[in-house]
Amino acid sequence: MATAVWVTPPLGPIWHLDILVLLMSVFTIYHAISETNKDLRFRNVCLLFTSFLLGLGTEHASLRFGGTHCHAAGIVNISECSSANSVLYYVPWVYICITTAAELTSARR
């Protein structure tokens, strides 16, 4: 059974969103690698990589297996319905959530 996928046209230029996600990702990567403690830096980099894999896996699974949504095209597209910003968004999102929760619970000290 075929499923229909609709893409809602963006309200503004999509490259604005691409730039925003790129900047969020760059600042997140900078935060991760600027850690002076080598053990924490290694954990941060692993978290970055895992966040990227989570984004790639989630987007791929939701598009290929579930057909749940379709993103508008961006500057760089991963596939027909997934732009790089939809995958990269997971990096700052997951990283910030986990590191903030760790700081709030004093788990990183």
PDB file of N, CA and C in Angstrom:
ATOM      1  N   MET A   1       0.844  -1.164   0.000  1.00  0.00           N
ATOM      2  CA  MET A   1       0.000   0.000   0.000  1.00  0.00           C
ATOM      3  C   MET A   1       0.897   1.237   0.000  1.00  0.00           C
ATOM      4  N   ALA A   2       0.684   2.130  -0.923  1.00  0.00           N
ATOM      5  CA  ALA A   2       1.486   3.352  -1.035  1.00  0.00           C
ATOM      6  C   ALA A   2       0.970   4.404  -0.062  1.00  0.00           C
ATOM      7  N   THR A   3       1.886   5.152   0.484  1.00  0.00           N
ATOM      8  CA  THR A   3       1.499   6.237   1.385  1.00  0.00           C
ATOM      9  C   THR A   3       1.848   7.567   0.737  1.00  0.00           C
ATOM     10  N   ALA A   4       0.990   8.528   0.924  1.00  0.00           N
ATOM     11  CA  ALA A   4       1.223   9.863   0.371  1.00  0.00           C
ATOM     12  C   ALA A   4       2.001  10.694   1.377  1.00  0.00           C
ATOM     13  N   VAL A   5       2.926  11.470   0.869  1.00  0.00           N
ATOM     14  CA  VAL A   5       3.714  12.348   1.724  1.00  0.00           C
ATOM     15  C   VAL A   5       3.538  13.764   1.206  1.00  0.00           C
ATOM     16  N   TRP A   6       3.145  14.679   2.098  1.00  0.00           N
ATOM     17  CA  TRP A   6       2.973  16.068   1.723  1.00  0.00           C
ATOM     18  C   TRP A   6       4.063  16.909   2.359  1.00  0.00           C
ATOM     19  N   VAL A   7       4.558  17.846   1.611  1.00  0.00           N
ATOM     20  CA  VAL A   7       5.531  18.797   2.129  1.00  0.00           C
ATOM     21  C   VAL A   7       4.877  20.161   2.128  1.00  0.00           C
ATOM     22  N   THR A   8       4.749  20.739   3.314  1.00  0.00           N
ATOM     23  CA  THR A   8       4.188  22.074   3.424  1.00  0.00           C
ATOM     24  C   THR A   8       5.244  23.072   2.975  1.00  0.00           C
ATOM     25  N   PRO A   9       4.888  23.989   2.081  1.00  0.00           N
ATOM     26  CA  PRO A   9       5.891  24.962   1.650  1.00  0.00           C
ATOM     27  C   PRO A   9       6.368  25.806   2.831  1.00  0.00           C
ATOM     28  N   PRO A  10       7.659  26.108   2.886  1.00  0.00           N
ATOM     29  CA  PRO A  10       8.179  26.905   3.998  1.00  0.00           C
ATOM     30  C   PRO A  10       7.623  28.320   3.989  1.00  0.00           C
ATOM     31  N   LEU A  11       7.538  28.922   5.187  1.00  0.00           N
ATOM     32  CA  LEU A  11       7.020  30.279   5.315  1.00  0.00           C
ATOM     33  C   LEU A  11       8.035  31.329   4.880  1.00  0.00           C
ATOM     34  N   GLY A  12       9.292  30.970   4.916  1.00  0.00           N
ATOM     35  CA  GLY A  12      10.364  31.891   4.529  1.00  0.00           C
ATOM     36  C   GLY A  12      11.492  31.112   3.886  1.00  0.00           C
ATOM     37  N   PRO A  13      12.583  31.780   3.606  1.00  0.00           N
ATOM     38  CA  PRO A  13      13.718  31.087   2.997  1.00  0.00           C
ATOM     39  C   PRO A  13      14.249  29.990   3.922  1.00  0.00           C
ATOM     40  N   ILE A  14      14.360  28.791   3.390  1.00  0.00           N
ATOM     41  CA  ILE A  14      14.790  27.649   4.201  1.00  0.00           C
ATOM     42  C   ILE A  14      16.256  27.767   4.608  1.00  0.00           C
ATOM     43  N   TRP A  15      17.046  28.547   3.882  1.00  0.00           N
ATOM     44  CA  TRP A  15      18.457  28.649   4.230  1.00  0.00           C
ATOM     45  C   TRP A  15      18.656  29.343   5.571  1.00  0.00           C
ATOM     46  N   HIS A  16      17.661  30.125   6.022  1.00  0.00           N
ATOM     47  CA  HIS A  16      17.744  30.727   7.353  1.00  0.00           C
ATOM     48  C   HIS A  16      17.795  29.636   8.419  1.00  0.00           C
ATOM     49  N   LEU A  17      16.967  28.628   8.267  1.00  0.00           N
ATOM     50  CA  LEU A  17      16.956  27.508   9.202  1.00  0.00           C
ATOM     51  C   LEU A  17      18.258  26.716   9.106  1.00  0.00           C
ATOM     52  N   ASP A  18      18.764  26.540   7.899  1.00  0.00           N
ATOM     53  CA  ASP A  18      20.042  25.839   7.721  1.00  0.00           C
ATOM     54  C   ASP A  18      21.167  26.558   8.453  1.00  0.00           C
ATOM     55  N   ILE A  19      21.210  27.874   8.346  1.00  0.00           N
ATOM     56  CA  ILE A  19      22.246  28.659   9.012  1.00  0.00           C
ATOM     57  C   ILE A  19      22.090  28.568  10.529  1.00  0.00           C
ATOM     58  N   LEU A  20      20.859  28.650  11.020  1.00  0.00           N
ATOM     59  CA  LEU A  20      20.603  28.552  12.455  1.00  0.00           C
ATOM     60  C   LEU A  20      21.074  27.217  13.008  1.00  0.00           C
ATOM     61  N   VAL A  21      20.716  26.123  12.361  1.00  0.00           N
ATOM     62  CA  VAL A  21      21.121  24.794  12.824  1.00  0.00           C
ATOM     63  C   VAL A  21      22.632  24.631  12.726  1.00  0.00           C
ATOM     64  N   LEU A  22      23.234  25.166  11.677  1.00  0.00           N
ATOM     65  CA  LEU A  22      24.689  25.101  11.542  1.00  0.00           C
ATOM     66  C   LEU A  22      25.370  25.841  12.696  1.00  0.00           C
ATOM     67  N   LEU A  23      24.909  27.045  13.013  1.00  0.00           N
ATOM     68  CA  LEU A  23      25.494  27.811  14.117  1.00  0.00           C
ATOM     69  C   LEU A  23      25.300  27.105  15.459  1.00  0.00           C
ATOM     70  N   MET A  24      24.121  26.564  15.698  1.00  0.00           N
ATOM     71  CA  MET A  24      23.891  25.822  16.939  1.00  0.00           C
ATOM     72  C   MET A  24      24.836  24.631  17.029  1.00  0.00           C
ATOM     73  N   SER A  25      25.033  23.946  15.928  1.00  0.00           N
ATOM     74  CA  SER A  25      25.924  22.780  15.920  1.00  0.00           C
ATOM     75  C   SER A  25      27.377  23.183  16.124  1.00  0.00           C
ATOM     76  N   VAL A  26      27.807  24.271  15.492  1.00  0.00           N
ATOM     77  CA  VAL A  26      29.185  24.738  15.648  1.00  0.00           C
ATOM     78  C   VAL A  26      29.453  25.127  17.102  1.00  0.00           C
ATOM     79  N   PHE A  27      28.550  25.870  17.731  1.00  0.00           N
ATOM     80  CA  PHE A  27      28.742  26.259  19.127  1.00  0.00           C
ATOM     81  C   PHE A  27      28.715  25.043  20.059  1.00  0.00           C
ATOM     82  N   THR A  28      27.899  24.061  19.743  1.00  0.00           N
ATOM     83  CA  THR A  28      27.846  22.841  20.547  1.00  0.00           C
ATOM     84  C   THR A  28      29.148  22.058  20.426  1.00  0.00           C
ATOM     85  N   ILE A  29      29.650  21.931  19.211  1.00  0.00           N
ATOM     86  CA  ILE A  29      30.922  21.235  19.005  1.00  0.00           C
ATOM     87  C   ILE A  29      32.049  21.974  19.719  1.00  0.00           C
ATOM     88  N   TYR A  30      32.044  23.294  19.632  1.00  0.00           N
ATOM     89  CA  TYR A  30      33.055  24.087  20.326  1.00  0.00           C
ATOM     90  C   TYR A  30      32.991  23.839  21.831  1.00  0.00           C
ATOM     91  N   HIS A  31      31.782  23.820  22.379  1.00  0.00           N
ATOM     92  CA  HIS A  31      31.636  23.567  23.811  1.00  0.00           C
ATOM     93  C   HIS A  31      32.188  22.202  24.181  1.00  0.00           C
ATOM     94  N   ALA A  32      31.933  21.218  23.362  1.00  0.00           N
ATOM     95  CA  ALA A  32      32.376  19.855  23.664  1.00  0.00           C
ATOM     96  C   ALA A  32      33.894  19.724  23.627  1.00  0.00           C
ATOM     97  N   ILE A  33      34.528  20.320  22.633  1.00  0.00           N
ATOM     98  CA  ILE A  33      35.977  20.127  22.487  1.00  0.00           C
ATOM     99  C   ILE A  33      36.795  21.122  23.298  1.00  0.00           C
ATOM    100  N   SER A  34      36.164  22.155  23.844  1.00  0.00           N
ATOM    101  CA  SER A  34      36.910  23.132  24.632  1.00  0.00           C
ATOM    102  C   SER A  34      37.043  22.712  26.096  1.00  0.00           C
ATOM    103  N   GLU A  35      36.474  21.598  26.453  1.00  0.00           N
ATOM    104  CA  GLU A  35      36.597  21.084  27.824  1.00  0.00           C
ATOM    105  C   GLU A  35      38.065  20.786  28.129  1.00  0.00           C
ATOM    106  N   THR A  36      38.556  21.271  29.278  1.00  0.00           N
ATOM    107  CA  THR A  36      39.972  21.075  29.612  1.00  0.00           C
ATOM    108  C   THR A  36      40.253  19.685  30.182  1.00  0.00           C
ATOM    109  N   ASN A  37      39.278  19.104  30.853  1.00  0.00           N
ATOM    110  CA  ASN A  37      39.434  17.753  31.390  1.00  0.00           C
ATOM    111  C   ASN A  37      39.337  16.747  30.240  1.00  0.00           C
ATOM    112  N   LYS A  38      40.401  15.949  30.050  1.00  0.00           N
ATOM    113  CA  LYS A  38      40.436  15.026  28.901  1.00  0.00           C
ATOM    114  C   LYS A  38      39.323  13.983  28.953  1.00  0.00           C
ATOM    115  N   ASP A  39      38.997  13.489  30.147  1.00  0.00           N
ATOM    116  CA  ASP A  39      37.937  12.482  30.267  1.00  0.00           C
ATOM    117  C   ASP A  39      36.581  13.069  29.895  1.00  0.00           C
ATOM    118  N   LEU A  40      36.304  14.281  30.387  1.00  0.00           N
ATOM    119  CA  LEU A  40      35.032  14.928  30.042  1.00  0.00           C
ATOM    120  C   LEU A  40      34.981  15.291  28.559  1.00  0.00           C
ATOM    121  N   ARG A  41      36.116  15.717  27.995  1.00  0.00           N
ATOM    122  CA  ARG A  41      36.156  16.031  26.568  1.00  0.00           C
ATOM    123  C   ARG A  41      35.845  14.787  25.746  1.00  0.00           C
ATOM    124  N   PHE A  42      36.419  13.654  26.132  1.00  0.00           N
ATOM    125  CA  PHE A  42      36.145  12.404  25.421  1.00  0.00           C
ATOM    126  C   PHE A  42      34.663  12.049  25.518  1.00  0.00           C
ATOM    127  N   ARG A  43      34.083  12.184  26.718  1.00  0.00           N
ATOM    128  CA  ARG A  43      32.643  11.911  26.873  1.00  0.00           C
ATOM    129  C   ARG A  43      31.802  12.858  26.026  1.00  0.00           C
ATOM    130  N   ASN A  44      32.194  14.124  26.006  1.00  0.00           N
ATOM    131  CA  ASN A  44      31.450  15.111  25.213  1.00  0.00           C
ATOM    132  C   ASN A  44      31.488  14.780  23.731  1.00  0.00           C
ATOM    133  N   VAL A  45      32.665  14.413  23.233  1.00  0.00           N
ATOM    134  CA  VAL A  45      32.794  14.076  21.807  1.00  0.00           C
ATOM    135  C   VAL A  45      32.002  12.809  21.487  1.00  0.00           C
ATOM    136  N   CYS A  46      32.035  11.844  22.391  1.00  0.00           N
ATOM    137  CA  CYS A  46      31.223  10.632  22.191  1.00  0.00           C
ATOM    138  C   CYS A  46      29.735  10.976  22.166  1.00  0.00           C
ATOM    139  N   LEU A  47      29.333  11.898  23.039  1.00  0.00           N
ATOM    140  CA  LEU A  47      27.932  12.336  23.063  1.00  0.00           C
ATOM    141  C   LEU A  47      27.558  13.048  21.765  1.00  0.00           C
ATOM    142  N   LEU A  48      28.459  13.865  21.233  1.00  0.00           N
ATOM    143  CA  LEU A  48      28.210  14.519  19.941  1.00  0.00           C
ATOM    144  C   LEU A  48      27.984  13.480  18.845  1.00  0.00           C
ATOM    145  N   PHE A  49      28.891  12.521  18.777  1.00  0.00           N
ATOM    146  CA  PHE A  49      28.810  11.486  17.743  1.00  0.00           C
ATOM    147  C   PHE A  49      27.536  10.660  17.902  1.00  0.00           C
ATOM    148  N   THR A  50      27.221  10.297  19.135  1.00  0.00           N
ATOM    149  CA  THR A  50      26.008   9.517  19.398  1.00  0.00           C
ATOM    150  C   THR A  50      24.751  10.318  19.056  1.00  0.00           C
ATOM    151  N   SER A  51      24.764  11.607  19.353  1.00  0.00           N
ATOM    152  CA  SER A  51      23.622  12.464  19.014  1.00  0.00           C
ATOM    153  C   SER A  51      23.413  12.529  17.505  1.00  0.00           C
ATOM    154  N   PHE A  52      24.525  12.621  16.765  1.00  0.00           N
ATOM    155  CA  PHE A  52      24.428  12.634  15.305  1.00  0.00           C
ATOM    156  C   PHE A  52      23.860  11.308  14.793  1.00  0.00           C
ATOM    157  N   LEU A  53      24.354  10.190  15.326  1.00  0.00           N
ATOM    158  CA  LEU A  53      23.829   8.884  14.908  1.00  0.00           C
ATOM    159  C   LEU A  53      22.363   8.726  15.272  1.00  0.00           C
ATOM    160  N   LEU A  54      21.969   9.253  16.433  1.00  0.00           N
ATOM    161  CA  LEU A  54      20.562   9.223  16.832  1.00  0.00           C
ATOM    162  C   LEU A  54      19.709   9.995  15.831  1.00  0.00           C
ATOM    163  N   GLY A  55      20.173  11.179  15.442  1.00  0.00           N
ATOM    164  CA  GLY A  55      19.437  11.978  14.461  1.00  0.00           C
ATOM    165  C   GLY A  55      19.339  11.284  13.116  1.00  0.00           C
ATOM    166  N   LEU A  56      20.452  10.736  12.661  1.00  0.00           N
ATOM    167  CA  LEU A  56      20.465  10.027  11.378  1.00  0.00           C
ATOM    168  C   LEU A  56      19.544   8.816  11.419  1.00  0.00           C
ATOM    169  N   GLY A  57      19.637   8.049  12.489  1.00  0.00           N
ATOM    170  CA  GLY A  57      18.795   6.855  12.624  1.00  0.00           C
ATOM    171  C   GLY A  57      17.326   7.179  12.763  1.00  0.00           C
ATOM    172  N   THR A  58      17.009   8.183  13.567  1.00  0.00           N
ATOM    173  CA  THR A  58      15.612   8.563  13.770  1.00  0.00           C
ATOM    174  C   THR A  58      14.986   9.091  12.488  1.00  0.00           C
ATOM    175  N   GLU A  59      15.706   9.973  11.808  1.00  0.00           N
ATOM    176  CA  GLU A  59      15.181  10.513  10.550  1.00  0.00           C
ATOM    177  C   GLU A  59      15.013   9.408   9.507  1.00  0.00           C
ATOM    178  N   HIS A  60      16.002   8.551   9.398  1.00  0.00           N
ATOM    179  CA  HIS A  60      15.923   7.466   8.407  1.00  0.00           C
ATOM    180  C   HIS A  60      14.763   6.528   8.731  1.00  0.00           C
ATOM    181  N   ALA A  61      14.639   6.136   9.987  1.00  0.00           N
ATOM    182  CA  ALA A  61      13.568   5.212  10.377  1.00  0.00           C
ATOM    183  C   ALA A  61      12.187   5.834  10.196  1.00  0.00           C
ATOM    184  N   SER A  62      12.043   7.097  10.592  1.00  0.00           N
ATOM    185  CA  SER A  62      10.719   7.713  10.486  1.00  0.00           C
ATOM    186  C   SER A  62      10.314   7.953   9.040  1.00  0.00           C
ATOM    187  N   LEU A  63      11.289   8.195   8.171  1.00  0.00           N
ATOM    188  CA  LEU A  63      10.966   8.428   6.761  1.00  0.00           C
ATOM    189  C   LEU A  63      10.802   7.126   5.985  1.00  0.00           C
ATOM    190  N   ARG A  64      11.682   6.183   6.222  1.00  0.00           N
ATOM    191  CA  ARG A  64      11.680   4.947   5.430  1.00  0.00           C
ATOM    192  C   ARG A  64      10.699   3.907   5.935  1.00  0.00           C
ATOM    193  N   PHE A  65      10.594   3.762   7.246  1.00  0.00           N
ATOM    194  CA  PHE A  65       9.767   2.697   7.789  1.00  0.00           C
ATOM    195  C   PHE A  65       8.394   3.190   8.216  1.00  0.00           C
ATOM    196  N   GLY A  66       8.328   4.390   8.744  1.00  0.00           N
ATOM    197  CA  GLY A  66       7.051   4.901   9.224  1.00  0.00           C
ATOM    198  C   GLY A  66       6.365   5.842   8.259  1.00  0.00           C
ATOM    199  N   GLY A  67       7.154   6.548   7.436  1.00  0.00           N
ATOM    200  CA  GLY A  67       6.574   7.531   6.532  1.00  0.00           C
ATOM    201  C   GLY A  67       5.831   8.613   7.277  1.00  0.00           C
ATOM    202  N   THR A  68       6.349   8.992   8.448  1.00  0.00           N
ATOM    203  CA  THR A  68       5.606   9.887   9.325  1.00  0.00           C
ATOM    204  C   THR A  68       5.662  11.345   8.908  1.00  0.00           C
ATOM    205  N   HIS A  69       6.726  11.761   8.224  1.00  0.00           N
ATOM    206  CA  HIS A  69       6.829  13.165   7.863  1.00  0.00           C
ATOM    207  C   HIS A  69       7.843  13.344   6.741  1.00  0.00           C
ATOM    208  N   CYS A  70       7.838  14.535   6.164  1.00  0.00           N
ATOM    209  CA  CYS A  70       8.771  14.855   5.088  1.00  0.00           C
ATOM    210  C   CYS A  70       9.200  16.309   5.267  1.00  0.00           C
ATOM    211  N   HIS A  71      10.523  16.537   5.300  1.00  0.00           N
ATOM    212  CA  HIS A  71      11.043  17.884   5.484  1.00  0.00           C
ATOM    213  C   HIS A  71      11.198  18.581   4.140  1.00  0.00           C
ATOM    214  N   ALA A  72      11.121  19.892   4.175  1.00  0.00           N
ATOM    215  CA  ALA A  72      11.406  20.681   2.976  1.00  0.00           C
ATOM    216  C   ALA A  72      12.893  20.560   2.658  1.00  0.00           C
ATOM    217  N   ALA A  73      13.228  20.749   1.414  1.00  0.00           N
ATOM    218  CA  ALA A  73      14.628  20.668   0.994  1.00  0.00           C
ATOM    219  C   ALA A  73      15.428  21.797   1.630  1.00  0.00           C
ATOM    220  N   GLY A  74      16.669  21.507   1.964  1.00  0.00           N
ATOM    221  CA  GLY A  74      17.561  22.506   2.527  1.00  0.00           C
ATOM    222  C   GLY A  74      18.722  22.737   1.576  1.00  0.00           C
ATOM    223  N   ILE A  75      19.758  23.377   2.077  1.00  0.00           N
ATOM    224  CA  ILE A  75      20.947  23.596   1.256  1.00  0.00           C
ATOM    225  C   ILE A  75      21.588  22.263   0.915  1.00  0.00           C
ATOM    226  N   VAL A  76      21.667  21.376   1.917  1.00  0.00           N
ATOM    227  CA  VAL A  76      22.202  20.021   1.729  1.00  0.00           C
ATOM    228  C   VAL A  76      21.111  19.035   2.103  1.00  0.00           C
ATOM    229  N   ASN A  77      20.837  18.080   1.235  1.00  0.00           N
ATOM    230  CA  ASN A  77      19.801  17.089   1.491  1.00  0.00           C
ATOM    231  C   ASN A  77      20.423  15.711   1.690  1.00  0.00           C
ATOM    232  N   ILE A  78      19.955  15.006   2.724  1.00  0.00           N
ATOM    233  CA  ILE A  78      20.410  13.654   3.004  1.00  0.00           C
ATOM    234  C   ILE A  78      19.665  12.682   2.096  1.00  0.00           C
ATOM    235  N   SER A  79      18.380  12.911   1.934  1.00  0.00           N
ATOM    236  CA  SER A  79      17.540  12.088   1.064  1.00  0.00           C
ATOM    237  C   SER A  79      16.409  12.973   0.533  1.00  0.00           C
ATOM    238  N   GLU A  80      15.458  12.357  -0.119  1.00  0.00           N
ATOM    239  CA  GLU A  80      14.363  13.117  -0.743  1.00  0.00           C
ATOM    240  C   GLU A  80      13.567  13.940   0.267  1.00  0.00           C
ATOM    241  N   CYS A  81      13.358  13.411   1.450  1.00  0.00           N
ATOM    242  CA  CYS A  81      12.531  14.088   2.451  1.00  0.00           C
ATOM    243  C   CYS A  81      13.297  14.488   3.701  1.00  0.00           C
ATOM    244  N   SER A  82      14.606  14.486   3.653  1.00  0.00           N
ATOM    245  CA  SER A  82      15.376  14.802   4.848  1.00  0.00           C
ATOM    246  C   SER A  82      16.574  15.667   4.493  1.00  0.00           C
ATOM    247  N   SER A  83      16.599  16.850   5.056  1.00  0.00           N
ATOM    248  CA  SER A  83      17.734  17.748   4.827  1.00  0.00           C
ATOM    249  C   SER A  83      18.762  17.565   5.938  1.00  0.00           C
ATOM    250  N   ALA A  84      19.948  18.085   5.715  1.00  0.00           N
ATOM    251  CA  ALA A  84      21.008  17.965   6.715  1.00  0.00           C
ATOM    252  C   ALA A  84      20.617  18.656   8.013  1.00  0.00           C
ATOM    253  N   ASN A  85      19.847  19.749   7.924  1.00  0.00           N
ATOM    254  CA  ASN A  85      19.485  20.439   9.161  1.00  0.00           C
ATOM    255  C   ASN A  85      18.547  19.607  10.029  1.00  0.00           C
ATOM    256  N   SER A  86      17.739  18.744   9.418  1.00  0.00           N
ATOM    257  CA  SER A  86      16.852  17.893  10.220  1.00  0.00           C
ATOM    258  C   SER A  86      17.642  16.830  10.974  1.00  0.00           C
ATOM    259  N   VAL A  87      18.770  16.402  10.432  1.00  0.00           N
ATOM    260  CA  VAL A  87      19.623  15.428  11.103  1.00  0.00           C
ATOM    261  C   VAL A  87      20.550  16.132  12.097  1.00  0.00           C
ATOM    262  N   LEU A  88      21.168  17.226  11.665  1.00  0.00           N
ATOM    263  CA  LEU A  88      22.109  17.949  12.533  1.00  0.00           C
ATOM    264  C   LEU A  88      21.436  18.572  13.743  1.00  0.00           C
ATOM    265  N   TYR A  89      20.149  18.853  13.657  1.00  0.00           N
ATOM    266  CA  TYR A  89      19.448  19.471  14.781  1.00  0.00           C
ATOM    267  C   TYR A  89      19.525  18.616  16.033  1.00  0.00           C
ATOM    268  N   TYR A  90      19.632  17.299  15.854  1.00  0.00           N
ATOM    269  CA  TYR A  90      19.702  16.397  17.005  1.00  0.00           C
ATOM    270  C   TYR A  90      20.983  16.618  17.819  1.00  0.00           C
ATOM    271  N   VAL A  91      22.066  17.039  17.176  1.00  0.00           N
ATOM    272  CA  VAL A  91      23.349  17.193  17.873  1.00  0.00           C
ATOM    273  C   VAL A  91      23.239  18.220  19.003  1.00  0.00           C
ATOM    274  N   PRO A  92      22.879  19.475  18.737  1.00  0.00           N
ATOM    275  CA  PRO A  92      22.774  20.414  19.865  1.00  0.00           C
ATOM    276  C   PRO A  92      21.614  20.085  20.800  1.00  0.00           C
ATOM    277  N   TRP A  93      20.540  19.590  20.251  1.00  0.00           N
ATOM    278  CA  TRP A  93      19.356  19.297  21.059  1.00  0.00           C
ATOM    279  C   TRP A  93      19.660  18.234  22.110  1.00  0.00           C
ATOM    280  N   VAL A  94      20.170  17.095  21.699  1.00  0.00           N
ATOM    281  CA  VAL A  94      20.453  15.999  22.633  1.00  0.00           C
ATOM    282  C   VAL A  94      21.632  16.358  23.537  1.00  0.00           C
ATOM    283  N   TYR A  95      22.681  16.938  22.964  1.00  0.00           N
ATOM    284  CA  TYR A  95      23.866  17.303  23.742  1.00  0.00           C
ATOM    285  C   TYR A  95      23.511  18.265  24.871  1.00  0.00           C
ATOM    286  N   ILE A  96      22.761  19.313  24.549  1.00  0.00           N
ATOM    287  CA  ILE A  96      22.401  20.310  25.553  1.00  0.00           C
ATOM    288  C   ILE A  96      21.494  19.708  26.625  1.00  0.00           C
ATOM    289  N   CYS A  97      20.551  18.881  26.225  1.00  0.00           N
ATOM    290  CA  CYS A  97      19.660  18.250  27.212  1.00  0.00           C
ATOM    291  C   CYS A  97      20.438  17.374  28.186  1.00  0.00           C
ATOM    292  N   ILE A  98      21.336  16.550  27.667  1.00  0.00           N
ATOM    293  CA  ILE A  98      22.071  15.627  28.538  1.00  0.00           C
ATOM    294  C   ILE A  98      23.086  16.361  29.406  1.00  0.00           C
ATOM    295  N   THR A  99      23.830  17.303  28.824  1.00  0.00           N
ATOM    296  CA  THR A  99      24.824  18.008  29.641  1.00  0.00           C
ATOM    297  C   THR A  99      24.160  18.916  30.681  1.00  0.00           C
ATOM    298  N   THR A 100      23.038  19.515  30.346  1.00  0.00           N
ATOM    299  CA  THR A 100      22.324  20.347  31.322  1.00  0.00           C
ATOM    300  C   THR A 100      21.778  19.499  32.460  1.00  0.00           C
ATOM    301  N   ALA A 101      21.205  18.363  32.132  1.00  0.00           N
ATOM    302  CA  ALA A 101      20.693  17.470  33.178  1.00  0.00           C
ATOM    303  C   ALA A 101      21.828  16.986  34.072  1.00  0.00           C
ATOM    304  N   ALA A 102      22.982  16.687  33.486  1.00  0.00           N
ATOM    305  CA  ALA A 102      24.131  16.245  34.276  1.00  0.00           C
ATOM    306  C   ALA A 102      24.622  17.359  35.188  1.00  0.00           C
ATOM    307  N   GLU A 103      24.652  18.579  34.686  1.00  0.00           N
ATOM    308  CA  GLU A 103      25.077  19.712  35.522  1.00  0.00           C
ATOM    309  C   GLU A 103      24.080  19.974  36.653  1.00  0.00           C
ATOM    310  N   LEU A 104      22.801  19.892  36.359  1.00  0.00           N
ATOM    311  CA  LEU A 104      21.783  20.143  37.375  1.00  0.00           C
ATOM    312  C   LEU A 104      21.785  19.086  38.487  1.00  0.00           C
ATOM    313  N   THR A 105      22.179  17.869  38.129  1.00  0.00           N
ATOM    314  CA  THR A 105      22.209  16.799  39.123  1.00  0.00           C
ATOM    315  C   THR A 105      23.601  16.583  39.692  1.00  0.00           C
ATOM    316  N   SER A 106      24.544  17.413  39.283  1.00  0.00           N
ATOM    317  CA  SER A 106      25.944  17.315  39.714  1.00  0.00           C
ATOM    318  C   SER A 106      26.574  15.981  39.355  1.00  0.00           C
ATOM    319  N   ALA A 107      26.115  15.353  38.284  1.00  0.00           N
ATOM    320  CA  ALA A 107      26.638  14.057  37.865  1.00  0.00           C
ATOM    321  C   ALA A 107      28.000  14.170  37.211  1.00  0.00           C
ATOM    322  N   ARG A 108      28.394  15.350  36.770  1.00  0.00           N
ATOM    323  CA  ARG A 108      29.654  15.503  36.049  1.00  0.00           C
ATOM    324  C   ARG A 108      30.809  15.889  36.958  1.00  0.00           C
ATOM    325  N   ARG A 109      30.583  16.065  38.207  1.00  0.00           N
ATOM    326  CA  ARG A 109      31.650  16.534  39.114  1.00  0.00           C
ATOM    327  C   ARG A 109      32.359  15.413  39.777  1.00  0.00           C
TER     328      ARG A 109
END
